[in-house]
């Protein structure tokens, strides 16, 4: 997994490449958790290049969503591939995490 981040104002966008699973999720949670603790609680995940997410990856998403909310921020995402979107739909994460079609909409869903 490759993660690139860009901070603009109060929002940090994480551009994630490949898969989010038991091996890669802790790396993502650590990176994003550090940003939240450092005062950037508004998080957007760019998922356009993520082709797979496991249950461990979903757990990592939930951990970050809770941390962001506790810091008075939030997590949204955009660009889910069909297979990843199906996992989010089946697991009920569509009801938990704001999911948008593009980055502008994802930022807007945060209200930051």
PDB file of N, CA and C in Angstrom:
ATOM      1  N   UNK A   1       0.848  -1.169   0.000  1.00  0.00           N
ATOM      2  CA  UNK A   1       0.000   0.000   0.000  1.00  0.00           C
ATOM      3  C   UNK A   1       0.898   1.238   0.000  1.00  0.00           C
ATOM      4  N   UNK A   2       0.484   2.212  -0.745  1.00  0.00           N
ATOM      5  CA  UNK A   2       1.156   3.502  -0.793  1.00  0.00           C
ATOM      6  C   UNK A   2       0.163   4.551  -0.310  1.00  0.00           C
ATOM      7  N   UNK A   3       0.629   5.454   0.559  1.00  0.00           N
ATOM      8  CA  UNK A   3      -0.230   6.521   1.083  1.00  0.00           C
ATOM      9  C   UNK A   3       0.476   7.849   0.851  1.00  0.00           C
ATOM     10  N   UNK A   4      -0.234   8.759   0.223  1.00  0.00           N
ATOM     11  CA  UNK A   4       0.257  10.138   0.099  1.00  0.00           C
ATOM     12  C   UNK A   4      -0.775  11.028   0.760  1.00  0.00           C
ATOM     13  N   UNK A   5      -0.299  12.049   1.453  1.00  0.00           N
ATOM     14  CA  UNK A   5      -1.242  12.953   2.107  1.00  0.00           C
ATOM     15  C   UNK A   5      -0.978  14.386   1.682  1.00  0.00           C
ATOM     16  N   UNK A   6      -2.056  15.162   1.652  1.00  0.00           N
ATOM     17  CA  UNK A   6      -2.009  16.583   1.320  1.00  0.00           C
ATOM     18  C   UNK A   6      -2.933  17.303   2.293  1.00  0.00           C
ATOM     19  N   UNK A   7      -2.403  18.319   2.955  1.00  0.00           N
ATOM     20  CA  UNK A   7      -3.220  19.094   3.880  1.00  0.00           C
ATOM     21  C   UNK A   7      -3.495  20.458   3.282  1.00  0.00           C
ATOM     22  N   UNK A   8      -4.764  20.805   3.269  1.00  0.00           N
ATOM     23  CA  UNK A   8      -5.193  22.122   2.792  1.00  0.00           C
ATOM     24  C   UNK A   8      -6.191  22.658   3.807  1.00  0.00           C
ATOM     25  N   UNK A   9      -5.789  23.692   4.522  1.00  0.00           N
ATOM     26  CA  UNK A   9      -6.642  24.221   5.576  1.00  0.00           C
ATOM     27  C   UNK A   9      -6.762  23.207   6.692  1.00  0.00           C
ATOM     28  N   UNK A  10      -7.987  22.897   7.079  1.00  0.00           N
ATOM     29  CA  UNK A  10      -8.227  21.963   8.175  1.00  0.00           C
ATOM     30  C   UNK A  10      -8.421  20.524   7.695  1.00  0.00           C
ATOM     31  N   UNK A  11      -8.303  20.268   6.386  1.00  0.00           N
ATOM     32  CA  UNK A  11      -8.589  18.953   5.824  1.00  0.00           C
ATOM     33  C   UNK A  11      -7.311  18.307   5.286  1.00  0.00           C
ATOM     34  N   UNK A  12      -7.113  17.043   5.641  1.00  0.00           N
ATOM     35  CA  UNK A  12      -6.025  16.262   5.059  1.00  0.00           C
ATOM     36  C   UNK A  12      -6.630  15.181   4.187  1.00  0.00           C
ATOM     37  N   UNK A  13      -6.169  15.117   2.938  1.00  0.00           N
ATOM     38  CA  UNK A  13      -6.614  14.091   1.992  1.00  0.00           C
ATOM     39  C   UNK A  13      -5.537  13.017   1.929  1.00  0.00           C
ATOM     40  N   UNK A  14      -5.950  11.769   2.123  1.00  0.00           N
ATOM     41  CA  UNK A  14      -5.050  10.629   2.019  1.00  0.00           C
ATOM     42  C   UNK A  14      -5.357   9.890   0.727  1.00  0.00           C
ATOM     43  N   UNK A  15      -4.381   9.863  -0.166  1.00  0.00           N
ATOM     44  CA  UNK A  15      -4.513   9.160  -1.445  1.00  0.00           C
ATOM     45  C   UNK A  15      -3.918   7.769  -1.256  1.00  0.00           C
ATOM     46  N   UNK A  16      -4.783   6.779  -1.276  1.00  0.00           N
ATOM     47  CA  UNK A  16      -4.408   5.405  -0.928  1.00  0.00           C
ATOM     48  C   UNK A  16      -4.349   4.568  -2.205  1.00  0.00           C
ATOM     49  N   UNK A  17      -3.288   3.773  -2.319  1.00  0.00           N
ATOM     50  CA  UNK A  17      -3.090   2.940  -3.504  1.00  0.00           C
ATOM     51  C   UNK A  17      -2.970   1.471  -3.083  1.00  0.00           C
ATOM     52  N   UNK A  18      -3.614   0.606  -3.818  1.00  0.00           N
ATOM     53  CA  UNK A  18      -3.609  -0.850  -3.715  1.00  0.00           C
ATOM     54  C   UNK A  18      -4.713  -1.363  -2.802  1.00  0.00           C
ATOM     55  N   UNK A  19      -4.330  -2.059  -1.719  1.00  0.00           N
ATOM     56  CA  UNK A  19      -5.345  -2.684  -0.876  1.00  0.00           C
ATOM     57  C   UNK A  19      -5.202  -2.257   0.571  1.00  0.00           C
ATOM     58  N   UNK A  20      -6.305  -2.371   1.293  1.00  0.00           N
ATOM     59  CA  UNK A  20      -6.319  -2.076   2.722  1.00  0.00           C
ATOM     60  C   UNK A  20      -6.744  -3.372   3.413  1.00  0.00           C
ATOM     61  N   UNK A  21      -5.778  -3.999   4.082  1.00  0.00           N
ATOM     62  CA  UNK A  21      -6.046  -5.291   4.710  1.00  0.00           C
ATOM     63  C   UNK A  21      -5.343  -5.374   6.062  1.00  0.00           C
ATOM     64  N   UNK A  22      -5.228  -6.577   6.607  1.00  0.00           N
ATOM     65  CA  UNK A  22      -4.638  -6.756   7.932  1.00  0.00           C
ATOM     66  C   UNK A  22      -3.186  -6.290   7.993  1.00  0.00           C
ATOM     67  N   UNK A  23      -2.468  -6.373   6.894  1.00  0.00           N
ATOM     68  CA  UNK A  23      -1.071  -5.948   6.878  1.00  0.00           C
ATOM     69  C   UNK A  23      -0.912  -4.440   6.699  1.00  0.00           C
ATOM     70  N   UNK A  24      -1.784  -3.820   5.922  1.00  0.00           N
ATOM     71  CA  UNK A  24      -1.622  -2.406   5.579  1.00  0.00           C
ATOM     72  C   UNK A  24      -2.462  -1.465   6.431  1.00  0.00           C
ATOM     73  N   UNK A  25      -3.548  -1.946   6.977  1.00  0.00           N
ATOM     74  CA  UNK A  25      -4.433  -1.088   7.760  1.00  0.00           C
ATOM     75  C   UNK A  25      -3.741  -0.438   8.957  1.00  0.00           C
ATOM     76  N   UNK A  26      -2.910  -1.166   9.712  1.00  0.00           N
ATOM     77  CA  UNK A  26      -2.237  -0.510  10.845  1.00  0.00           C
ATOM     78  C   UNK A  26      -1.363   0.674  10.412  1.00  0.00           C
ATOM     79  N   UNK A  27      -0.737   0.565   9.263  1.00  0.00           N
ATOM     80  CA  UNK A  27       0.084   1.662   8.737  1.00  0.00           C
ATOM     81  C   UNK A  27      -0.786   2.887   8.465  1.00  0.00           C
ATOM     82  N   UNK A  28      -1.941   2.670   7.858  1.00  0.00           N
ATOM     83  CA  UNK A  28      -2.863   3.766   7.558  1.00  0.00           C
ATOM     84  C   UNK A  28      -3.415   4.377   8.841  1.00  0.00           C
ATOM     85  N   UNK A  29      -3.818   3.535   9.778  1.00  0.00           N
ATOM     86  CA  UNK A  29      -4.363   4.029  11.047  1.00  0.00           C
ATOM     87  C   UNK A  29      -3.316   4.845  11.803  1.00  0.00           C
ATOM     88  N   UNK A  30      -2.076   4.391  11.804  1.00  0.00           N
ATOM     89  CA  UNK A  30      -1.011   5.120  12.495  1.00  0.00           C
ATOM     90  C   UNK A  30      -0.774   6.482  11.851  1.00  0.00           C
ATOM     91  N   UNK A  31      -0.707   6.519  10.528  1.00  0.00           N
ATOM     92  CA  UNK A  31      -0.452   7.779   9.822  1.00  0.00           C
ATOM     93  C   UNK A  31      -1.581   8.779  10.046  1.00  0.00           C
ATOM     94  N   UNK A  32      -2.808   8.328   9.900  1.00  0.00           N
ATOM     95  CA  UNK A  32      -3.950   9.230  10.039  1.00  0.00           C
ATOM     96  C   UNK A  32      -4.162   9.603  11.502  1.00  0.00           C
ATOM     97  N   UNK A  33      -3.973   8.657  12.396  1.00  0.00           N
ATOM     98  CA  UNK A  33      -4.120   8.943  13.818  1.00  0.00           C
ATOM     99  C   UNK A  33      -3.152  10.019  14.290  1.00  0.00           C
ATOM    100  N   UNK A  34      -1.944  10.008  13.733  1.00  0.00           N
ATOM    101  CA  UNK A  34      -0.959  11.031  14.059  1.00  0.00           C
ATOM    102  C   UNK A  34      -1.431  12.404  13.599  1.00  0.00           C
ATOM    103  N   UNK A  35      -2.010  12.481  12.416  1.00  0.00           N
ATOM    104  CA  UNK A  35      -2.528  13.757  11.904  1.00  0.00           C
ATOM    105  C   UNK A  35      -3.672  14.264  12.778  1.00  0.00           C
ATOM    106  N   UNK A  36      -4.555  13.368  13.169  1.00  0.00           N
ATOM    107  CA  UNK A  36      -5.679  13.764  14.020  1.00  0.00           C
ATOM    108  C   UNK A  36      -5.159  14.286  15.353  1.00  0.00           C
ATOM    109  N   UNK A  37      -4.222  13.566  15.951  1.00  0.00           N
ATOM    110  CA  UNK A  37      -3.648  13.993  17.226  1.00  0.00           C
ATOM    111  C   UNK A  37      -2.894  15.313  17.085  1.00  0.00           C
ATOM    112  N   UNK A  38      -2.378  15.574  15.891  1.00  0.00           N
ATOM    113  CA  UNK A  38      -1.644  16.802  15.634  1.00  0.00           C
ATOM    114  C   UNK A  38      -2.522  17.997  15.307  1.00  0.00           C
ATOM    115  N   UNK A  39      -3.829  17.804  15.338  1.00  0.00           N
ATOM    116  CA  UNK A  39      -4.730  18.933  15.149  1.00  0.00           C
ATOM    117  C   UNK A  39      -5.396  19.035  13.796  1.00  0.00           C
ATOM    118  N   UNK A  40      -5.354  17.960  13.013  1.00  0.00           N
ATOM    119  CA  UNK A  40      -6.042  17.948  11.718  1.00  0.00           C
ATOM    120  C   UNK A  40      -7.090  16.834  11.746  1.00  0.00           C
ATOM    121  N   UNK A  41      -8.270  17.105  12.331  1.00  0.00           N
ATOM    122  CA  UNK A  41      -9.261  16.048  12.506  1.00  0.00           C
ATOM    123  C   UNK A  41     -10.221  15.842  11.333  1.00  0.00           C
ATOM    124  N   UNK A  42     -10.075  16.634  10.265  1.00  0.00           N
ATOM    125  CA  UNK A  42     -10.946  16.482   9.104  1.00  0.00           C
ATOM    126  C   UNK A  42     -10.186  15.677   8.058  1.00  0.00           C
ATOM    127  N   UNK A  43     -10.667  14.452   7.780  1.00  0.00           N
ATOM    128  CA  UNK A  43      -9.942  13.493   6.956  1.00  0.00           C
ATOM    129  C   UNK A  43     -10.789  13.087   5.756  1.00  0.00           C
ATOM    130  N   UNK A  44     -10.142  13.058   4.578  1.00  0.00           N
ATOM    131  CA  UNK A  44     -10.769  12.542   3.361  1.00  0.00           C
ATOM    132  C   UNK A  44      -9.888  11.428   2.824  1.00  0.00           C
ATOM    133  N   UNK A  45     -10.485  10.277   2.538  1.00  0.00           N
ATOM    134  CA  UNK A  45      -9.772   9.177   1.888  1.00  0.00           C
ATOM    135  C   UNK A  45     -10.096   9.198   0.398  1.00  0.00           C
ATOM    136  N   UNK A  46      -9.056   9.255  -0.425  1.00  0.00           N
ATOM    137  CA  UNK A  46      -9.183   9.094  -1.880  1.00  0.00           C
ATOM    138  C   UNK A  46      -8.992   7.608  -2.155  1.00  0.00           C
ATOM    139  N   UNK A  47     -10.077   6.926  -2.482  1.00  0.00           N
ATOM    140  CA  UNK A  47     -10.070   5.472  -2.644  1.00  0.00           C
ATOM    141  C   UNK A  47     -10.069   5.034  -4.117  1.00  0.00           C
ATOM    142  N   UNK A  48      -9.789   5.951  -5.028  1.00  0.00           N
ATOM    143  CA  UNK A  48      -9.872   5.622  -6.458  1.00  0.00           C
ATOM    144  C   UNK A  48      -8.946   4.489  -6.873  1.00  0.00           C
ATOM    145  N   UNK A  49      -7.837   4.301  -6.160  1.00  0.00           N
ATOM    146  CA  UNK A  49      -6.874   3.268  -6.550  1.00  0.00           C
ATOM    147  C   UNK A  49      -6.824   2.100  -5.568  1.00  0.00           C
ATOM    148  N   UNK A  50      -7.872   1.959  -4.755  1.00  0.00           N
ATOM    149  CA  UNK A  50      -7.969   0.834  -3.829  1.00  0.00           C
ATOM    150  C   UNK A  50      -8.885  -0.212  -4.459  1.00  0.00           C
ATOM    151  N   UNK A  51      -8.315  -1.370  -4.739  1.00  0.00           N
ATOM    152  CA  UNK A  51      -9.093  -2.431  -5.378  1.00  0.00           C
ATOM    153  C   UNK A  51      -9.625  -3.475  -4.427  1.00  0.00           C
ATOM    154  N   UNK A  52      -9.186  -3.421  -3.158  1.00  0.00           N
ATOM    155  CA  UNK A  52      -9.582  -4.453  -2.190  1.00  0.00           C
ATOM    156  C   UNK A  52      -9.542  -3.874  -0.787  1.00  0.00           C
ATOM    157  N   UNK A  53     -10.527  -4.225   0.022  1.00  0.00           N
ATOM    158  CA  UNK A  53     -10.509  -3.895   1.451  1.00  0.00           C
ATOM    159  C   UNK A  53     -11.037  -5.105   2.209  1.00  0.00           C
ATOM    160  N   UNK A  54     -10.322  -5.490   3.255  1.00  0.00           N
ATOM    161  CA  UNK A  54     -10.711  -6.646   4.062  1.00  0.00           C
ATOM    162  C   UNK A  54     -11.481  -6.177   5.293  1.00  0.00           C
ATOM    163  N   UNK A  55     -11.906  -7.138   6.110  1.00  0.00           N
ATOM    164  CA  UNK A  55     -12.595  -6.772   7.349  1.00  0.00           C
ATOM    165  C   UNK A  55     -11.650  -6.016   8.281  1.00  0.00           C
ATOM    166  N   UNK A  56     -10.367  -6.344   8.253  1.00  0.00           N
ATOM    167  CA  UNK A  56      -9.385  -5.593   9.054  1.00  0.00           C
ATOM    168  C   UNK A  56      -9.264  -4.160   8.534  1.00  0.00           C
ATOM    169  N   UNK A  57      -9.362  -3.996   7.232  1.00  0.00           N
ATOM    170  CA  UNK A  57      -9.351  -2.656   6.646  1.00  0.00           C
ATOM    171  C   UNK A  57     -10.567  -1.861   7.070  1.00  0.00           C
ATOM    172  N   UNK A  58     -11.724  -2.508   7.099  1.00  0.00           N
ATOM    173  CA  UNK A  58     -12.947  -1.845   7.559  1.00  0.00           C
ATOM    174  C   UNK A  58     -12.811  -1.422   9.017  1.00  0.00           C
ATOM    175  N   UNK A  59     -12.205  -2.282   9.813  1.00  0.00           N
ATOM    176  CA  UNK A  59     -12.000  -1.944  11.218  1.00  0.00           C
ATOM    177  C   UNK A  59     -11.129  -0.693  11.324  1.00  0.00           C
ATOM    178  N   UNK A  60     -10.088  -0.607  10.510  1.00  0.00           N
ATOM    179  CA  UNK A  60      -9.220   0.569  10.511  1.00  0.00           C
ATOM    180  C   UNK A  60      -9.973   1.831  10.131  1.00  0.00           C
ATOM    181  N   UNK A  61     -10.867   1.717   9.156  1.00  0.00           N
ATOM    182  CA  UNK A  61     -11.696   2.854   8.761  1.00  0.00           C
ATOM    183  C   UNK A  61     -12.556   3.300   9.936  1.00  0.00           C
ATOM    184  N   UNK A  62     -13.135   2.342  10.632  1.00  0.00           N
ATOM    185  CA  UNK A  62     -13.986   2.663  11.780  1.00  0.00           C
ATOM    186  C   UNK A  62     -13.186   3.308  12.913  1.00  0.00           C
ATOM    187  N   UNK A  63     -11.986   2.810  13.162  1.00  0.00           N
ATOM    188  CA  UNK A  63     -11.119   3.389  14.202  1.00  0.00           C
ATOM    189  C   UNK A  63     -10.839   4.854  13.893  1.00  0.00           C
ATOM    190  N   UNK A  64     -10.478   5.154  12.642  1.00  0.00           N
ATOM    191  CA  UNK A  64     -10.175   6.536  12.255  1.00  0.00           C
ATOM    192  C   UNK A  64     -11.425   7.408  12.328  1.00  0.00           C
ATOM    193  N   UNK A  65     -12.563   6.877  11.893  1.00  0.00           N
ATOM    194  CA  UNK A  65     -13.807   7.655  11.968  1.00  0.00           C
ATOM    195  C   UNK A  65     -14.113   8.039  13.415  1.00  0.00           C
ATOM    196  N   UNK A  66     -13.922   7.111  14.337  1.00  0.00           N
ATOM    197  CA  UNK A  66     -14.177   7.392  15.749  1.00  0.00           C
ATOM    198  C   UNK A  66     -13.174   8.398  16.305  1.00  0.00           C
ATOM    199  N   UNK A  67     -11.892   8.255  15.954  1.00  0.00           N
ATOM    200  CA  UNK A  67     -10.874   9.194  16.422  1.00  0.00           C
ATOM    201  C   UNK A  67     -11.154  10.600  15.894  1.00  0.00           C
ATOM    202  N   UNK A  68     -11.508  10.684  14.618  1.00  0.00           N
ATOM    203  CA  UNK A  68     -11.793  11.998  14.017  1.00  0.00           C
ATOM    204  C   UNK A  68     -12.999  12.640  14.694  1.00  0.00           C
ATOM    205  N   UNK A  69     -14.039  11.862  14.935  1.00  0.00           N
ATOM    206  CA  UNK A  69     -15.235  12.394  15.577  1.00  0.00           C
ATOM    207  C   UNK A  69     -14.922  12.870  17.001  1.00  0.00           C
ATOM    208  N   UNK A  70     -14.131  12.100  17.730  1.00  0.00           N
ATOM    209  CA  UNK A  70     -13.763  12.474  19.086  1.00  0.00           C
ATOM    210  C   UNK A  70     -12.954  13.773  19.111  1.00  0.00           C
ATOM    211  N   UNK A  71     -12.238  14.048  18.023  1.00  0.00           N
ATOM    212  CA  UNK A  71     -11.429  15.277  17.927  1.00  0.00           C
ATOM    213  C   UNK A  71     -12.228  16.415  17.293  1.00  0.00           C
ATOM    214  N   UNK A  72     -13.548  16.240  17.218  1.00  0.00           N
ATOM    215  CA  UNK A  72     -14.450  17.257  16.644  1.00  0.00           C
ATOM    216  C   UNK A  72     -14.252  17.434  15.143  1.00  0.00           C
ATOM    217  N   UNK A  73     -13.874  16.346  14.463  1.00  0.00           N
ATOM    218  CA  UNK A  73     -13.692  16.360  13.016  1.00  0.00           C
ATOM    219  C   UNK A  73     -14.560  15.294  12.380  1.00  0.00           C
ATOM    220  N   UNK A  74     -14.062  14.687  11.319  1.00  0.00           N
ATOM    221  CA  UNK A  74     -14.808  13.648  10.648  1.00  0.00           C
ATOM    222  C   UNK A  74     -14.004  13.001   9.551  1.00  0.00           C
ATOM    223  N   UNK A  75     -14.530  11.910   9.032  1.00  0.00           N
ATOM    224  CA  UNK A  75     -13.924  11.156   7.937  1.00  0.00           C
ATOM    225  C   UNK A  75     -14.947  11.007   6.827  1.00  0.00           C
ATOM    226  N   UNK A  76     -14.537  11.302   5.605  1.00  0.00           N
ATOM    227  CA  UNK A  76     -15.353  10.997   4.431  1.00  0.00           C
ATOM    228  C   UNK A  76     -14.429  10.398   3.383  1.00  0.00           C
ATOM    229  N   UNK A  77     -15.010   9.838   2.347  1.00  0.00           N
ATOM    230  CA  UNK A  77     -14.195   9.237   1.295  1.00  0.00           C
ATOM    231  C   UNK A  77     -14.883   9.335  -0.047  1.00  0.00           C
ATOM    232  N   UNK A  78     -14.078   9.151  -1.089  1.00  0.00           N
ATOM    233  CA  UNK A  78     -14.623   9.199  -2.444  1.00  0.00           C
ATOM    234  C   UNK A  78     -13.861   8.240  -3.345  1.00  0.00           C
ATOM    235  N   UNK A  79     -14.462   7.949  -4.484  1.00  0.00           N
ATOM    236  CA  UNK A  79     -13.804   7.156  -5.511  1.00  0.00           C
ATOM    237  C   UNK A  79     -13.771   5.667  -5.258  1.00  0.00           C
ATOM    238  N   UNK A  80     -14.737   5.129  -4.525  1.00  0.00           N
ATOM    239  CA  UNK A  80     -14.730   3.695  -4.248  1.00  0.00           C
ATOM    240  C   UNK A  80     -14.940   2.887  -5.522  1.00  0.00           C
ATOM    241  N   UNK A  81     -14.046   1.926  -5.759  1.00  0.00           N
ATOM    242  CA  UNK A  81     -14.194   0.995  -6.870  1.00  0.00           C
ATOM    243  C   UNK A  81     -15.419   0.110  -6.594  1.00  0.00           C
ATOM    244  N   UNK A  82     -16.041  -0.463  -7.629  1.00  0.00           N
ATOM    245  CA  UNK A  82     -17.262  -1.257  -7.415  1.00  0.00           C
ATOM    246  C   UNK A  82     -17.125  -2.364  -6.369  1.00  0.00           C
ATOM    247  N   UNK A  83     -16.018  -3.114  -6.382  1.00  0.00           N
ATOM    248  CA  UNK A  83     -15.858  -4.207  -5.414  1.00  0.00           C
ATOM    249  C   UNK A  83     -15.739  -3.669  -3.994  1.00  0.00           C
ATOM    250  N   UNK A  84     -15.020  -2.568  -3.809  1.00  0.00           N
ATOM    251  CA  UNK A  84     -14.867  -1.958  -2.487  1.00  0.00           C
ATOM    252  C   UNK A  84     -16.187  -1.339  -2.044  1.00  0.00           C
ATOM    253  N   UNK A  85     -16.878  -0.688  -2.962  1.00  0.00           N
ATOM    254  CA  UNK A  85     -18.175  -0.096  -2.647  1.00  0.00           C
ATOM    255  C   UNK A  85     -19.161  -1.174  -2.198  1.00  0.00           C
ATOM    256  N   UNK A  86     -19.106  -2.337  -2.830  1.00  0.00           N
ATOM    257  CA  UNK A  86     -19.991  -3.435  -2.455  1.00  0.00           C
ATOM    258  C   UNK A  86     -19.706  -3.899  -1.023  1.00  0.00           C
ATOM    259  N   UNK A  87     -18.435  -3.967  -0.645  1.00  0.00           N
ATOM    260  CA  UNK A  87     -18.074  -4.339   0.724  1.00  0.00           C
ATOM    261  C   UNK A  87     -18.621  -3.311   1.713  1.00  0.00           C
ATOM    262  N   UNK A  88     -18.500  -2.028   1.378  1.00  0.00           N
ATOM    263  CA  UNK A  88     -19.032  -0.976   2.246  1.00  0.00           C
ATOM    264  C   UNK A  88     -20.551  -1.074   2.351  1.00  0.00           C
ATOM    265  N   UNK A  89     -21.203  -1.367   1.253  1.00  0.00           N
ATOM    266  CA  UNK A  89     -22.663  -1.484   1.243  1.00  0.00           C
ATOM    267  C   UNK A  89     -23.116  -2.671   2.097  1.00  0.00           C
ATOM    268  N   UNK A  90     -22.523  -3.835   1.864  1.00  0.00           N
ATOM    269  CA  UNK A  90     -22.916  -5.053   2.575  1.00  0.00           C
ATOM    270  C   UNK A  90     -22.651  -4.936   4.073  1.00  0.00           C
ATOM    271  N   UNK A  91     -21.543  -4.297   4.427  1.00  0.00           N
ATOM    272  CA  UNK A  91     -21.169  -4.186   5.847  1.00  0.00           C
ATOM    273  C   UNK A  91     -21.911  -3.068   6.577  1.00  0.00           C
ATOM    274  N   UNK A  92     -22.663  -2.252   5.845  1.00  0.00           N
ATOM    275  CA  UNK A  92     -23.408  -1.169   6.470  1.00  0.00           C
ATOM    276  C   UNK A  92     -22.598   0.104   6.651  1.00  0.00           C
ATOM    277  N   UNK A  93     -21.389   0.148   6.104  1.00  0.00           N
ATOM    278  CA  UNK A  93     -20.544   1.331   6.263  1.00  0.00           C
ATOM    279  C   UNK A  93     -21.063   2.537   5.482  1.00  0.00           C
ATOM    280  N   UNK A  94     -21.931   2.316   4.526  1.00  0.00           N
ATOM    281  CA  UNK A  94     -22.547   3.445   3.818  1.00  0.00           C
ATOM    282  C   UNK A  94     -23.370   4.293   4.788  1.00  0.00           C
ATOM    283  N   UNK A  95     -23.842   3.658   5.863  1.00  0.00           N
ATOM    284  CA  UNK A  95     -24.630   4.380   6.860  1.00  0.00           C
ATOM    285  C   UNK A  95     -23.757   5.047   7.923  1.00  0.00           C
ATOM    286  N   UNK A  96     -22.471   4.717   7.945  1.00  0.00           N
ATOM    287  CA  UNK A  96     -21.564   5.211   8.976  1.00  0.00           C
ATOM    288  C   UNK A  96     -20.620   6.285   8.442  1.00  0.00           C
ATOM    289  N   UNK A  97     -20.080   6.059   7.236  1.00  0.00           N
ATOM    290  CA  UNK A  97     -19.063   6.926   6.638  1.00  0.00           C
ATOM    291  C   UNK A  97     -19.670   7.673   5.455  1.00  0.00           C
ATOM    292  N   UNK A  98     -19.564   8.994   5.419  1.00  0.00           N
ATOM    293  CA  UNK A  98     -20.029   9.723   4.234  1.00  0.00           C
ATOM    294  C   UNK A  98     -19.169   9.363   3.015  1.00  0.00           C
ATOM    295  N   UNK A  99     -19.833   8.907   1.963  1.00  0.00           N
ATOM    296  CA  UNK A  99     -19.144   8.503   0.737  1.00  0.00           C
ATOM    297  C   UNK A  99     -19.629   9.394  -0.394  1.00  0.00           C
ATOM    298  N   UNK A 100     -18.666   9.939  -1.135  1.00  0.00           N
ATOM    299  CA  UNK A 100     -18.979  10.901  -2.193  1.00  0.00           C
ATOM    300  C   UNK A 100     -18.432  10.415  -3.530  1.00  0.00           C
ATOM    301  N   UNK A 101     -18.893  11.073  -4.584  1.00  0.00           N
ATOM    302  CA  UNK A 101     -18.444  10.732  -5.932  1.00  0.00           C
ATOM    303  C   UNK A 101     -17.067  11.314  -6.237  1.00  0.00           C
ATOM    304  N   UNK A 102     -16.753  12.478  -5.649  1.00  0.00           N
ATOM    305  CA  UNK A 102     -15.472  13.121  -5.936  1.00  0.00           C
ATOM    306  C   UNK A 102     -14.966  13.859  -4.695  1.00  0.00           C
ATOM    307  N   UNK A 103     -13.766  14.411  -4.821  1.00  0.00           N
ATOM    308  CA  UNK A 103     -13.127  15.061  -3.679  1.00  0.00           C
ATOM    309  C   UNK A 103     -13.888  16.288  -3.189  1.00  0.00           C
ATOM    310  N   UNK A 104     -14.412  17.071  -4.095  1.00  0.00           N
ATOM    311  CA  UNK A 104     -15.165  18.268  -3.710  1.00  0.00           C
ATOM    312  C   UNK A 104     -16.373  17.885  -2.864  1.00  0.00           C
ATOM    313  N   UNK A 105     -17.102  16.876  -3.291  1.00  0.00           N
ATOM    314  CA  UNK A 105     -18.271  16.418  -2.533  1.00  0.00           C
ATOM    315  C   UNK A 105     -17.863  15.811  -1.181  1.00  0.00           C
ATOM    316  N   UNK A 106     -16.736  15.099  -1.166  1.00  0.00           N
ATOM    317  CA  UNK A 106     -16.261  14.499   0.093  1.00  0.00           C
ATOM    318  C   UNK A 106     -15.923  15.585   1.107  1.00  0.00           C
ATOM    319  N   UNK A 107     -15.268  16.645   0.644  1.00  0.00           N
ATOM    320  CA  UNK A 107     -14.962  17.784   1.525  1.00  0.00           C
ATOM    321  C   UNK A 107     -16.255  18.426   2.020  1.00  0.00           C
ATOM    322  N   UNK A 108     -17.224  18.590   1.128  1.00  0.00           N
ATOM    323  CA  UNK A 108     -18.491  19.209   1.496  1.00  0.00           C
ATOM    324  C   UNK A 108     -19.236  18.378   2.534  1.00  0.00           C
ATOM    325  N   UNK A 109     -19.169  17.058   2.421  1.00  0.00           N
ATOM    326  CA  UNK A 109     -19.854  16.185   3.377  1.00  0.00           C
ATOM    327  C   UNK A 109     -19.269  16.313   4.783  1.00  0.00           C
ATOM    328  N   UNK A 110     -17.999  16.710   4.868  1.00  0.00           N
ATOM    329  CA  UNK A 110     -17.384  16.939   6.173  1.00  0.00           C
ATOM    330  C   UNK A 110     -17.895  18.203   6.834  1.00  0.00           C
ATOM    331  N   UNK A 111     -18.264  19.182   6.011  1.00  0.00           N
ATOM    332  CA  UNK A 111     -18.701  20.451   6.550  1.00  0.00           C
ATOM    333  C   UNK A 111     -17.575  21.258   7.166  1.00  0.00           C
ATOM    334  N   UNK A 112     -16.347  20.924   6.786  1.00  0.00           N
ATOM    335  CA  UNK A 112     -15.170  21.623   7.367  1.00  0.00           C
ATOM    336  C   UNK A 112     -14.925  22.923   6.635  1.00  0.00           C
TER     337      UNK A 112
END
